[in-house]
Amino acid sequence: MIKRSLLATSIAIAIAQQASAAPLVPVDARGLAMGSTGVASAKLAHAPQYNPALLSTAHADDDFAIVFPQIGIIASDEEEMVDSFDALSNDPYAGSSSGESIIDHFEGITDQLDIILTSGDSGTVSMEKQISDFETLISNVPGNGGDNSTTAAELTTATNNLNTSATA
């Protein structure tokens, strides 16, 4: 009987994992720089690691964020990039009388260009119109510092080169 219980105890000890608490390490660089003071200064995404009471301050318009501290990955949308892209895709195209969105108009242009390119040289005039429409699209999109006018000028040069090669 003693041998059986000694064998069972030995197996249980060999199989059992060591139980220990995980050390609290800083989840982000800010917490590390502040001496692991994440309890007082953590963002909402850090609530499970630092201070679960932060979850009570969540609002419907809070940004997306997820933290994987074990592998050092933080994914978040603090600058509201997703909302910006949604707004851009829903903005009406300034050159459109039907009120179609910029993205829909751009997709229409690329679809037309695909058709023209697969049909051969017969679509040169239509291709010129599509390039012109694309120039207008680029120039009407709000930009950062006037880069759109440079792009439109480059497209104009490409159109002129196309016209030259089509007439030659």
N, C-alpha and C. Protein backbone atom coordinates (compact mmCIF):
# COMPACT_ATOMS: atom_id res chain seq x y z
N MET A 1 0.82 -1.19 0.00
CA MET A 1 0.00 0.00 0.00
C MET A 1 0.86 1.25 0.00
N ILE A 2 1.93 1.21 0.80
CA ILE A 2 2.82 2.37 0.87
C ILE A 2 3.51 2.57 -0.48
N LYS A 3 3.85 1.48 -1.16
CA LYS A 3 4.52 1.61 -2.44
C LYS A 3 3.59 2.25 -3.47
N ARG A 4 2.31 1.89 -3.45
CA ARG A 4 1.36 2.46 -4.40
C ARG A 4 1.16 3.95 -4.15
N SER A 5 1.05 4.32 -2.91
CA SER A 5 0.85 5.74 -2.61
C SER A 5 2.12 6.53 -2.86
N LEU A 6 3.29 5.91 -2.63
CA LEU A 6 4.56 6.58 -2.94
C LEU A 6 4.70 6.76 -4.45
N LEU A 7 4.30 5.75 -5.23
CA LEU A 7 4.35 5.84 -6.68
C LEU A 7 3.39 6.92 -7.19
N ALA A 8 2.19 6.96 -6.67
CA ALA A 8 1.21 7.97 -7.08
C ALA A 8 1.68 9.37 -6.74
N THR A 9 2.26 9.53 -5.57
CA THR A 9 2.77 10.84 -5.15
C THR A 9 3.94 11.26 -6.04
N SER A 10 4.81 10.33 -6.36
CA SER A 10 5.96 10.63 -7.22
C SER A 10 5.51 11.07 -8.61
N ILE A 11 4.53 10.38 -9.16
CA ILE A 11 4.01 10.74 -10.48
C ILE A 11 3.33 12.11 -10.43
N ALA A 12 2.55 12.36 -9.40
CA ALA A 12 1.86 13.65 -9.27
C ALA A 12 2.85 14.80 -9.16
N ILE A 13 3.92 14.61 -8.42
CA ILE A 13 4.94 15.66 -8.27
C ILE A 13 5.68 15.87 -9.59
N ALA A 14 5.95 14.79 -10.32
CA ALA A 14 6.67 14.91 -11.59
C ALA A 14 5.83 15.61 -12.65
N ILE A 15 4.54 15.38 -12.63
CA ILE A 15 3.65 15.97 -13.63
C ILE A 15 3.27 17.41 -13.30
N ALA A 16 3.13 17.70 -12.04
CA ALA A 16 2.65 19.02 -11.62
C ALA A 16 3.59 20.13 -12.08
N GLN A 17 3.01 21.18 -12.57
CA GLN A 17 3.78 22.36 -12.99
C GLN A 17 4.10 23.20 -11.76
N GLN A 18 5.19 23.90 -11.85
CA GLN A 18 5.52 24.80 -10.75
C GLN A 18 4.59 26.00 -10.83
N ALA A 19 3.94 26.31 -9.75
CA ALA A 19 3.03 27.45 -9.70
C ALA A 19 3.77 28.65 -9.15
N SER A 20 3.77 29.71 -9.93
CA SER A 20 4.38 30.95 -9.45
C SER A 20 3.70 32.12 -10.15
N ALA A 21 3.72 33.23 -9.51
CA ALA A 21 3.11 34.42 -10.08
C ALA A 21 4.03 35.00 -11.14
N ALA A 22 3.42 35.50 -12.19
CA ALA A 22 4.21 36.16 -13.24
C ALA A 22 4.61 37.54 -12.75
N PRO A 23 5.83 37.93 -12.99
CA PRO A 23 6.24 39.27 -12.54
C PRO A 23 5.53 40.35 -13.35
N LEU A 24 5.22 41.45 -12.71
CA LEU A 24 4.57 42.56 -13.40
C LEU A 24 5.65 43.35 -14.13
N VAL A 25 5.65 43.23 -15.43
CA VAL A 25 6.62 43.96 -16.24
C VAL A 25 5.88 45.06 -17.01
N PRO A 26 6.56 46.13 -17.31
CA PRO A 26 5.90 47.19 -18.07
C PRO A 26 5.43 46.69 -19.43
N VAL A 27 4.23 47.09 -19.82
CA VAL A 27 3.64 46.65 -21.07
C VAL A 27 4.09 47.53 -22.23
N ASP A 28 4.39 48.76 -21.96
CA ASP A 28 4.77 49.70 -23.01
C ASP A 28 5.98 50.52 -22.58
N ALA A 29 6.55 51.23 -23.53
CA ALA A 29 7.74 52.03 -23.24
C ALA A 29 7.44 53.15 -22.26
N ARG A 30 6.26 53.71 -22.34
CA ARG A 30 5.91 54.81 -21.44
C ARG A 30 5.89 54.32 -19.99
N GLY A 31 5.27 53.16 -19.77
CA GLY A 31 5.23 52.60 -18.43
C GLY A 31 6.61 52.26 -17.91
N LEU A 32 7.47 51.75 -18.79
CA LEU A 32 8.84 51.44 -18.39
C LEU A 32 9.60 52.71 -18.03
N ALA A 33 9.44 53.76 -18.82
CA ALA A 33 10.15 55.01 -18.56
C ALA A 33 9.69 55.69 -17.27
N MET A 34 8.45 55.45 -16.89
CA MET A 34 7.93 56.08 -15.68
C MET A 34 8.08 55.18 -14.45
N GLY A 35 8.92 54.18 -14.54
CA GLY A 35 9.17 53.32 -13.39
C GLY A 35 8.03 52.37 -13.10
N SER A 36 7.41 51.84 -14.13
CA SER A 36 6.29 50.90 -14.01
C SER A 36 5.09 51.50 -13.29
N THR A 37 4.80 52.75 -13.58
CA THR A 37 3.65 53.41 -12.94
C THR A 37 2.42 53.35 -13.83
N GLY A 38 2.21 52.24 -14.47
CA GLY A 38 1.08 52.11 -15.38
C GLY A 38 -0.27 52.22 -14.70
N VAL A 39 -0.35 51.95 -13.41
CA VAL A 39 -1.62 52.04 -12.70
C VAL A 39 -2.19 53.45 -12.79
N ALA A 40 -1.33 54.44 -12.68
CA ALA A 40 -1.79 55.82 -12.70
C ALA A 40 -1.82 56.43 -14.10
N SER A 41 -1.07 55.87 -15.03
CA SER A 41 -0.94 56.54 -16.32
C SER A 41 -1.28 55.68 -17.52
N ALA A 42 -1.82 54.50 -17.33
CA ALA A 42 -2.05 53.58 -18.44
C ALA A 42 -3.19 54.05 -19.34
N LYS A 43 -3.13 53.61 -20.58
CA LYS A 43 -4.21 53.86 -21.52
C LYS A 43 -5.25 52.75 -21.35
N LEU A 44 -6.39 52.94 -21.99
CA LEU A 44 -7.48 51.98 -21.85
C LEU A 44 -7.06 50.57 -22.30
N ALA A 45 -6.23 50.47 -23.33
CA ALA A 45 -5.79 49.16 -23.82
C ALA A 45 -4.94 48.42 -22.79
N HIS A 46 -4.32 49.15 -21.87
CA HIS A 46 -3.47 48.53 -20.87
C HIS A 46 -4.23 48.14 -19.60
N ALA A 47 -5.52 48.35 -19.57
CA ALA A 47 -6.32 48.08 -18.37
C ALA A 47 -6.17 46.66 -17.84
N PRO A 48 -6.19 45.62 -18.67
CA PRO A 48 -6.05 44.27 -18.11
C PRO A 48 -4.71 44.04 -17.42
N GLN A 49 -3.65 44.71 -17.87
CA GLN A 49 -2.34 44.49 -17.27
C GLN A 49 -2.10 45.37 -16.05
N TYR A 50 -2.51 46.63 -16.10
CA TYR A 50 -2.18 47.58 -15.05
C TYR A 50 -3.31 47.82 -14.05
N ASN A 51 -4.47 48.21 -14.57
CA ASN A 51 -5.53 48.69 -13.69
C ASN A 51 -6.89 48.37 -14.31
N PRO A 52 -7.51 47.26 -13.95
CA PRO A 52 -8.80 46.89 -14.53
C PRO A 52 -9.89 47.93 -14.31
N ALA A 53 -9.72 48.81 -13.33
CA ALA A 53 -10.73 49.85 -13.09
C ALA A 53 -10.80 50.84 -14.25
N LEU A 54 -9.76 50.89 -15.09
CA LEU A 54 -9.80 51.77 -16.27
C LEU A 54 -10.91 51.38 -17.24
N LEU A 55 -11.32 50.12 -17.21
CA LEU A 55 -12.39 49.69 -18.10
C LEU A 55 -13.71 50.40 -17.82
N SER A 56 -13.86 50.94 -16.63
CA SER A 56 -15.09 51.67 -16.30
C SER A 56 -15.15 53.03 -16.99
N THR A 57 -14.03 53.48 -17.54
CA THR A 57 -14.01 54.78 -18.23
C THR A 57 -14.15 54.64 -19.74
N ALA A 58 -14.46 53.44 -20.24
CA ALA A 58 -14.58 53.22 -21.68
C ALA A 58 -15.80 53.96 -22.24
N HIS A 59 -15.63 54.50 -23.44
CA HIS A 59 -16.71 55.21 -24.13
C HIS A 59 -16.93 54.55 -25.49
N ALA A 60 -18.08 54.81 -26.07
CA ALA A 60 -18.41 54.21 -27.36
C ALA A 60 -17.49 54.69 -28.48
N ASP A 61 -16.96 55.90 -28.37
CA ASP A 61 -16.11 56.44 -29.43
C ASP A 61 -14.61 56.21 -29.19
N ASP A 62 -14.25 55.36 -28.22
CA ASP A 62 -12.84 55.07 -27.97
C ASP A 62 -12.25 54.31 -29.14
N ASP A 63 -10.95 54.49 -29.35
CA ASP A 63 -10.25 53.86 -30.45
C ASP A 63 -9.99 52.38 -30.17
N PHE A 64 -9.67 51.66 -31.23
CA PHE A 64 -9.31 50.25 -31.13
C PHE A 64 -7.89 50.11 -30.61
N ALA A 65 -7.67 49.18 -29.71
CA ALA A 65 -6.31 48.88 -29.24
C ALA A 65 -6.29 47.50 -28.60
N ILE A 66 -5.22 46.77 -28.85
CA ILE A 66 -5.02 45.47 -28.22
C ILE A 66 -3.53 45.31 -27.93
N VAL A 67 -3.22 44.71 -26.80
CA VAL A 67 -1.84 44.57 -26.35
C VAL A 67 -1.54 43.10 -26.12
N PHE A 68 -0.43 42.63 -26.68
CA PHE A 68 0.09 41.29 -26.42
C PHE A 68 1.44 41.46 -25.71
N PRO A 69 1.44 41.58 -24.37
CA PRO A 69 2.69 41.88 -23.67
C PRO A 69 3.72 40.74 -23.73
N GLN A 70 3.27 39.52 -23.90
CA GLN A 70 4.20 38.40 -23.91
C GLN A 70 5.14 38.46 -25.11
N ILE A 71 4.65 39.01 -26.22
CA ILE A 71 5.49 39.08 -27.42
C ILE A 71 5.79 40.52 -27.83
N GLY A 72 5.35 41.48 -27.04
CA GLY A 72 5.70 42.88 -27.27
C GLY A 72 4.99 43.54 -28.43
N ILE A 73 3.75 43.17 -28.70
CA ILE A 73 3.01 43.76 -29.82
C ILE A 73 1.86 44.60 -29.28
N ILE A 74 1.77 45.82 -29.78
CA ILE A 74 0.65 46.71 -29.47
C ILE A 74 0.03 47.14 -30.79
N ALA A 75 -1.24 46.84 -30.99
CA ALA A 75 -1.95 47.26 -32.20
C ALA A 75 -3.04 48.23 -31.78
N SER A 76 -3.01 49.43 -32.34
CA SER A 76 -4.01 50.42 -31.96
C SER A 76 -4.30 51.37 -33.11
N ASP A 77 -5.40 52.06 -32.99
CA ASP A 77 -5.81 53.07 -33.98
C ASP A 77 -6.04 54.37 -33.24
N GLU A 78 -5.02 54.87 -32.59
CA GLU A 78 -5.16 56.09 -31.79
C GLU A 78 -5.28 57.33 -32.65
N GLU A 79 -4.76 57.31 -33.86
CA GLU A 79 -4.83 58.47 -34.74
C GLU A 79 -6.08 58.44 -35.62
N GLU A 80 -6.97 57.48 -35.39
CA GLU A 80 -8.23 57.33 -36.10
C GLU A 80 -8.04 57.21 -37.61
N MET A 81 -7.07 56.39 -38.01
CA MET A 81 -6.81 56.18 -39.42
C MET A 81 -7.97 55.49 -40.12
N VAL A 82 -8.59 54.52 -39.44
CA VAL A 82 -9.71 53.81 -40.04
C VAL A 82 -10.86 54.78 -40.32
N ASP A 83 -11.15 55.67 -39.38
CA ASP A 83 -12.21 56.66 -39.60
C ASP A 83 -11.85 57.60 -40.74
N SER A 84 -10.59 57.96 -40.86
CA SER A 84 -10.16 58.85 -41.94
C SER A 84 -10.36 58.19 -43.30
N PHE A 85 -10.01 56.91 -43.42
CA PHE A 85 -10.20 56.21 -44.69
C PHE A 85 -11.68 56.04 -45.00
N ASP A 86 -12.49 55.78 -43.98
CA ASP A 86 -13.93 55.68 -44.21
C ASP A 86 -14.48 57.01 -44.71
N ALA A 87 -14.05 58.10 -44.10
CA ALA A 87 -14.52 59.42 -44.53
C ALA A 87 -14.08 59.72 -45.95
N LEU A 88 -12.85 59.36 -46.30
CA LEU A 88 -12.35 59.60 -47.65
C LEU A 88 -13.16 58.80 -48.67
N SER A 89 -13.44 57.55 -48.35
CA SER A 89 -14.17 56.72 -49.31
C SER A 89 -15.62 57.17 -49.47
N ASN A 90 -16.16 57.88 -48.49
CA ASN A 90 -17.54 58.34 -48.59
C ASN A 90 -17.67 59.76 -49.09
N ASP A 91 -16.55 60.51 -49.18
CA ASP A 91 -16.61 61.88 -49.69
C ASP A 91 -17.02 61.87 -51.15
N PRO A 92 -17.92 62.77 -51.53
CA PRO A 92 -18.29 62.83 -52.95
C PRO A 92 -17.14 63.39 -53.79
N TYR A 93 -17.00 62.86 -54.98
CA TYR A 93 -15.97 63.31 -55.92
C TYR A 93 -16.38 64.68 -56.46
N ALA A 94 -15.47 65.65 -56.38
CA ALA A 94 -15.81 67.03 -56.76
C ALA A 94 -16.15 67.17 -58.23
N GLY A 95 -15.60 66.32 -59.10
CA GLY A 95 -15.87 66.42 -60.53
C GLY A 95 -17.08 65.63 -60.98
N SER A 96 -17.80 65.02 -60.06
CA SER A 96 -18.93 64.17 -60.42
C SER A 96 -20.24 64.90 -60.21
N SER A 97 -21.10 64.83 -61.22
CA SER A 97 -22.42 65.44 -61.08
C SER A 97 -23.40 64.50 -60.38
N SER A 98 -23.08 63.20 -60.36
CA SER A 98 -23.99 62.23 -59.74
C SER A 98 -23.74 62.05 -58.25
N GLY A 99 -22.68 62.67 -57.72
CA GLY A 99 -22.38 62.56 -56.30
C GLY A 99 -21.72 61.26 -55.90
N GLU A 100 -21.10 60.55 -56.86
CA GLU A 100 -20.43 59.30 -56.51
C GLU A 100 -19.19 59.59 -55.68
N SER A 101 -18.78 58.61 -54.89
CA SER A 101 -17.63 58.81 -54.00
C SER A 101 -16.33 58.76 -54.79
N ILE A 102 -15.27 59.27 -54.17
CA ILE A 102 -13.95 59.29 -54.80
C ILE A 102 -13.50 57.87 -55.14
N ILE A 103 -13.69 56.95 -54.21
CA ILE A 103 -13.26 55.56 -54.41
C ILE A 103 -14.02 54.93 -55.57
N ASP A 104 -15.35 55.15 -55.63
CA ASP A 104 -16.15 54.59 -56.72
C ASP A 104 -15.69 55.15 -58.07
N HIS A 105 -15.42 56.45 -58.10
CA HIS A 105 -14.97 57.07 -59.35
C HIS A 105 -13.61 56.51 -59.77
N PHE A 106 -12.70 56.36 -58.82
CA PHE A 106 -11.38 55.81 -59.12
C PHE A 106 -11.49 54.37 -59.63
N GLU A 107 -12.36 53.57 -59.00
CA GLU A 107 -12.55 52.20 -59.46
C GLU A 107 -13.12 52.17 -60.87
N GLY A 108 -14.03 53.10 -61.18
CA GLY A 108 -14.57 53.19 -62.54
C GLY A 108 -13.49 53.51 -63.55
N ILE A 109 -12.59 54.42 -63.21
CA ILE A 109 -11.50 54.77 -64.12
C ILE A 109 -10.58 53.57 -64.34
N THR A 110 -10.21 52.88 -63.28
CA THR A 110 -9.31 51.73 -63.44
C THR A 110 -9.99 50.60 -64.21
N ASP A 111 -11.30 50.41 -64.02
CA ASP A 111 -12.01 49.40 -64.80
C ASP A 111 -11.99 49.75 -66.28
N GLN A 112 -12.25 51.03 -66.60
CA GLN A 112 -12.22 51.48 -67.99
C GLN A 112 -10.83 51.31 -68.59
N LEU A 113 -9.79 51.64 -67.83
CA LEU A 113 -8.43 51.49 -68.33
C LEU A 113 -8.11 50.02 -68.60
N ASP A 114 -8.59 49.13 -67.75
CA ASP A 114 -8.38 47.70 -68.00
C ASP A 114 -9.03 47.27 -69.31
N ILE A 115 -10.25 47.74 -69.54
CA ILE A 115 -10.95 47.40 -70.78
C ILE A 115 -10.20 47.94 -71.99
N ILE A 116 -9.76 49.19 -71.88
CA ILE A 116 -9.04 49.82 -72.99
C ILE A 116 -7.73 49.09 -73.27
N LEU A 117 -7.00 48.76 -72.22
CA LEU A 117 -5.70 48.10 -72.41
C LEU A 117 -5.84 46.70 -72.99
N THR A 118 -6.92 46.01 -72.68
CA THR A 118 -7.11 44.66 -73.23
C THR A 118 -7.68 44.69 -74.64
N SER A 119 -8.30 45.82 -75.05
CA SER A 119 -8.90 45.89 -76.39
C SER A 119 -7.89 46.32 -77.45
N GLY A 120 -6.70 46.74 -77.07
CA GLY A 120 -5.69 47.12 -78.06
C GLY A 120 -5.64 48.61 -78.29
N ASP A 121 -5.15 49.02 -79.49
CA ASP A 121 -4.94 50.43 -79.81
C ASP A 121 -6.22 51.17 -80.14
N SER A 122 -7.34 50.48 -80.31
CA SER A 122 -8.57 51.15 -80.73
C SER A 122 -9.12 52.10 -79.68
N GLY A 123 -8.64 52.01 -78.46
CA GLY A 123 -9.20 52.85 -77.41
C GLY A 123 -8.33 54.02 -77.02
N THR A 124 -7.49 54.56 -77.92
CA THR A 124 -6.56 55.63 -77.56
C THR A 124 -7.29 56.88 -77.11
N VAL A 125 -8.35 57.28 -77.81
CA VAL A 125 -9.08 58.49 -77.44
C VAL A 125 -9.73 58.31 -76.08
N SER A 126 -10.33 57.16 -75.86
CA SER A 126 -10.96 56.90 -74.57
C SER A 126 -9.92 56.86 -73.45
N MET A 127 -8.73 56.34 -73.75
CA MET A 127 -7.68 56.29 -72.74
C MET A 127 -7.25 57.71 -72.36
N GLU A 128 -7.16 58.60 -73.35
CA GLU A 128 -6.81 59.99 -73.07
C GLU A 128 -7.85 60.61 -72.14
N LYS A 129 -9.13 60.31 -72.38
CA LYS A 129 -10.19 60.85 -71.53
C LYS A 129 -10.06 60.30 -70.11
N GLN A 130 -9.76 59.01 -69.99
CA GLN A 130 -9.63 58.42 -68.67
C GLN A 130 -8.44 59.00 -67.91
N ILE A 131 -7.33 59.24 -68.62
CA ILE A 131 -6.17 59.85 -67.96
C ILE A 131 -6.52 61.27 -67.53
N SER A 132 -7.26 61.98 -68.37
CA SER A 132 -7.69 63.33 -68.01
C SER A 132 -8.60 63.30 -66.78
N ASP A 133 -9.52 62.34 -66.75
CA ASP A 133 -10.40 62.19 -65.57
C ASP A 133 -9.58 61.86 -64.33
N PHE A 134 -8.56 61.03 -64.50
CA PHE A 134 -7.71 60.67 -63.37
C PHE A 134 -6.94 61.88 -62.86
N GLU A 135 -6.46 62.73 -63.78
CA GLU A 135 -5.77 63.97 -63.38
C GLU A 135 -6.71 64.84 -62.55
N THR A 136 -7.95 64.96 -63.01
CA THR A 136 -8.93 65.76 -62.28
C THR A 136 -9.19 65.17 -60.90
N LEU A 137 -9.29 63.86 -60.84
CA LEU A 137 -9.50 63.19 -59.56
C LEU A 137 -8.36 63.48 -58.60
N ILE A 138 -7.14 63.35 -59.06
CA ILE A 138 -5.97 63.59 -58.21
C ILE A 138 -5.93 65.04 -57.75
N SER A 139 -6.23 65.96 -58.64
CA SER A 139 -6.14 67.38 -58.27
C SER A 139 -7.25 67.80 -57.31
N ASN A 140 -8.37 67.06 -57.27
CA ASN A 140 -9.49 67.42 -56.39
C ASN A 140 -9.41 66.79 -55.01
N VAL A 141 -8.53 65.80 -54.83
CA VAL A 141 -8.40 65.17 -53.51
C VAL A 141 -7.56 66.08 -52.63
N PRO A 142 -8.04 66.39 -51.41
CA PRO A 142 -7.24 67.23 -50.52
C PRO A 142 -5.92 66.54 -50.20
N GLY A 143 -4.83 67.28 -50.29
CA GLY A 143 -3.52 66.67 -50.10
C GLY A 143 -2.75 67.31 -48.96
N ASN A 144 -1.55 66.84 -48.79
CA ASN A 144 -0.66 67.36 -47.75
C ASN A 144 0.45 68.16 -48.41
N GLY A 145 0.24 69.44 -48.60
CA GLY A 145 1.31 70.29 -49.10
C GLY A 145 1.40 70.39 -50.61
N GLY A 146 0.33 70.14 -51.35
CA GLY A 146 0.35 70.37 -52.78
C GLY A 146 1.01 69.28 -53.59
N ASP A 147 1.16 68.09 -53.08
CA ASP A 147 1.75 67.00 -53.84
C ASP A 147 0.86 66.58 -55.00
N ASN A 148 -0.45 66.85 -54.89
CA ASN A 148 -1.38 66.44 -55.92
C ASN A 148 -1.14 67.20 -57.22
N SER A 149 -0.76 68.47 -57.16
CA SER A 149 -0.52 69.22 -58.38
C SER A 149 0.69 68.66 -59.12
N THR A 150 1.69 68.19 -58.38
CA THR A 150 2.86 67.57 -59.01
C THR A 150 2.44 66.29 -59.71
N THR A 151 1.62 65.49 -59.04
CA THR A 151 1.14 64.25 -59.64
C THR A 151 0.31 64.54 -60.88
N ALA A 152 -0.55 65.57 -60.82
CA ALA A 152 -1.36 65.93 -61.98
C ALA A 152 -0.48 66.39 -63.13
N ALA A 153 0.59 67.13 -62.84
CA ALA A 153 1.51 67.57 -63.89
C ALA A 153 2.21 66.37 -64.53
N GLU A 154 2.60 65.39 -63.72
CA GLU A 154 3.23 64.19 -64.26
C GLU A 154 2.26 63.42 -65.15
N LEU A 155 0.99 63.38 -64.75
CA LEU A 155 -0.01 62.70 -65.57
C LEU A 155 -0.26 63.46 -66.87
N THR A 156 -0.20 64.78 -66.82
CA THR A 156 -0.35 65.58 -68.04
C THR A 156 0.79 65.27 -69.00
N THR A 157 1.99 65.17 -68.48
CA THR A 157 3.15 64.81 -69.32
C THR A 157 2.95 63.42 -69.92
N ALA A 158 2.45 62.49 -69.13
CA ALA A 158 2.20 61.14 -69.64
C ALA A 158 1.13 61.16 -70.72
N THR A 159 0.10 62.00 -70.55
CA THR A 159 -0.94 62.12 -71.57
C THR A 159 -0.36 62.68 -72.86
N ASN A 160 0.47 63.69 -72.75
CA ASN A 160 1.09 64.27 -73.95
C ASN A 160 1.97 63.24 -74.65
N ASN A 161 2.70 62.46 -73.89
CA ASN A 161 3.52 61.39 -74.49
C ASN A 161 2.64 60.36 -75.18
N LEU A 162 1.49 60.05 -74.58
CA LEU A 162 0.55 59.11 -75.19
C LEU A 162 0.01 59.67 -76.49
N ASN A 163 -0.34 60.96 -76.49
CA ASN A 163 -0.84 61.60 -77.71
C ASN A 163 0.22 61.55 -78.81
N THR A 164 1.46 61.82 -78.44
CA THR A 164 2.55 61.82 -79.42
C THR A 164 2.74 60.43 -80.01
N SER A 165 2.71 59.41 -79.15
CA SER A 165 2.92 58.05 -79.65
C SER A 165 1.71 57.55 -80.44
N ALA A 166 0.51 58.04 -80.13
CA ALA A 166 -0.69 57.61 -80.86
C ALA A 166 -0.73 58.20 -82.26
N THR A 167 -0.22 59.42 -82.41
CA THR A 167 -0.25 60.07 -83.73
C THR A 167 0.92 59.65 -84.59
N ALA A 168 1.96 59.08 -84.00
CA ALA A 168 3.16 58.70 -84.78
C ALA A 168 2.95 57.42 -85.52
